[in-house]
Protein backbone atom coordinates (compact mmCIF):
# COMPACT_ATOMS: atom_id res chain seq x y z
CA UNK A 1 72.71 137.46 88.16
CA UNK A 2 72.52 134.00 89.73
CA UNK A 3 71.54 131.03 87.57
CA UNK A 4 70.62 127.79 89.31
CA UNK A 5 70.86 124.60 87.33
CA UNK A 6 68.00 122.13 87.30
CA UNK A 7 67.94 118.36 87.09
CA UNK A 8 65.42 116.07 85.42
CA UNK A 9 64.33 112.94 87.27
CA UNK A 10 62.90 110.14 85.15
CA UNK A 11 60.38 107.80 86.80
CA UNK A 12 58.58 104.94 85.10
CA UNK A 13 54.88 104.88 85.91
CA UNK A 14 52.29 102.25 85.04
CA UNK A 15 49.36 103.41 82.96
CA UNK A 16 45.85 101.94 82.79
CA UNK A 17 46.62 100.04 79.58
CA UNK A 18 49.21 97.91 81.39
CA UNK A 19 52.20 99.56 79.74
CA UNK A 20 54.52 102.08 81.30
CA UNK A 21 55.40 105.64 80.45
CA UNK A 22 58.24 107.82 81.61
CA UNK A 23 57.36 110.65 84.00
CA UNK A 24 59.90 113.48 83.75
CA UNK A 25 60.17 115.87 86.71
CA UNK A 26 62.57 118.80 86.77
CA UNK A 27 64.00 119.67 90.20
CA UNK A 28 66.60 122.14 91.40
CA UNK A 29 69.29 121.50 94.00
CA UNK A 30 67.70 120.88 97.41
CA UNK A 31 64.25 120.08 96.00
CA UNK A 32 62.55 116.71 96.58
CA UNK A 33 60.25 114.17 94.95
CA UNK A 34 57.95 112.16 97.24
CA UNK A 35 57.29 108.55 96.17
CA UNK A 36 53.92 107.07 97.17
CA UNK A 37 51.25 108.49 99.47
CA UNK A 38 52.23 112.05 100.51
CA UNK A 39 50.95 111.45 104.07
CA UNK A 40 52.93 108.20 104.44
CA UNK A 41 55.53 108.21 101.65
CA UNK A 42 57.31 105.09 100.49
CA UNK A 43 60.43 107.21 100.09
CA UNK A 44 61.87 110.59 99.15
CA UNK A 45 64.40 111.53 96.46
CA UNK A 46 66.29 114.80 97.02
CA UNK A 47 68.68 116.56 94.64
CA UNK A 48 71.72 116.91 96.89
CA UNK A 49 74.13 118.79 94.61
CA UNK A 50 74.60 119.72 90.96
CA UNK A 51 78.15 120.41 89.76
CA UNK A 52 78.62 120.61 86.01
CA UNK A 53 77.26 117.41 84.48
CA UNK A 54 77.32 115.54 87.82
CA UNK A 55 74.14 115.29 89.89
CA UNK A 56 74.16 113.77 93.38
CA UNK A 57 70.84 112.46 94.62
CA UNK A 58 69.89 111.43 98.15
CA UNK A 59 67.48 108.50 98.47
CA UNK A 60 65.54 108.17 101.72
CA UNK A 61 63.78 104.78 101.72
CA UNK A 62 63.23 102.14 104.42
CA UNK A 63 66.04 99.55 104.65
CA UNK A 64 63.73 96.75 103.50
CA UNK A 65 63.33 98.41 100.08
CA UNK A 66 66.19 97.55 97.74
CA UNK A 67 67.66 100.53 95.90
CA UNK A 68 70.34 99.83 93.26
CA UNK A 69 72.03 101.61 90.38
CA UNK A 70 70.81 100.23 87.04
CA UNK A 71 74.07 98.38 86.27
CA UNK A 72 74.01 96.71 89.71
CA UNK A 73 70.32 95.78 89.35
CA UNK A 74 71.12 94.18 85.96
CA UNK A 75 73.94 92.13 87.52
CA UNK A 76 71.66 90.96 90.34
CA UNK A 77 68.94 90.00 87.84
CA UNK A 78 71.46 88.09 85.71
CA UNK A 79 73.56 86.42 88.44
CA UNK A 80 71.31 86.38 91.52
CA UNK A 81 71.59 88.26 94.82
CA UNK A 82 74.85 86.49 95.81
CA UNK A 83 76.70 88.77 93.35
CA UNK A 84 76.13 91.84 95.56
CA UNK A 85 79.10 91.18 97.85
CA UNK A 86 81.41 90.68 94.85
CA UNK A 87 80.65 93.91 92.99
CA UNK A 88 83.48 96.41 93.21
CA UNK A 89 82.92 100.18 93.19
CA UNK A 90 83.46 101.94 89.87
CA UNK A 91 86.97 103.29 89.42
CA UNK A 92 87.45 107.06 89.49
CA UNK A 93 88.24 108.43 86.05
């Protein structure tokens, strides 16, 4: 028996009241989520691999759209875009 693990993707979506709600989508390895108009998508998120509690995602967006990990986005918001060249990769633990 083969069991394939799934992965939940959390996307924040605006609702008519002006607030936002979390959209939760479960995807398996190799499956994709299309962002924007399906005929001309803004970007695509694909579940690349799932190994244990580690999920690798592939983000396919145009270069002019900034894509950052949350901790990097917070640093940019706090310190400005000049911080980007000074951020070091996370150490392997």
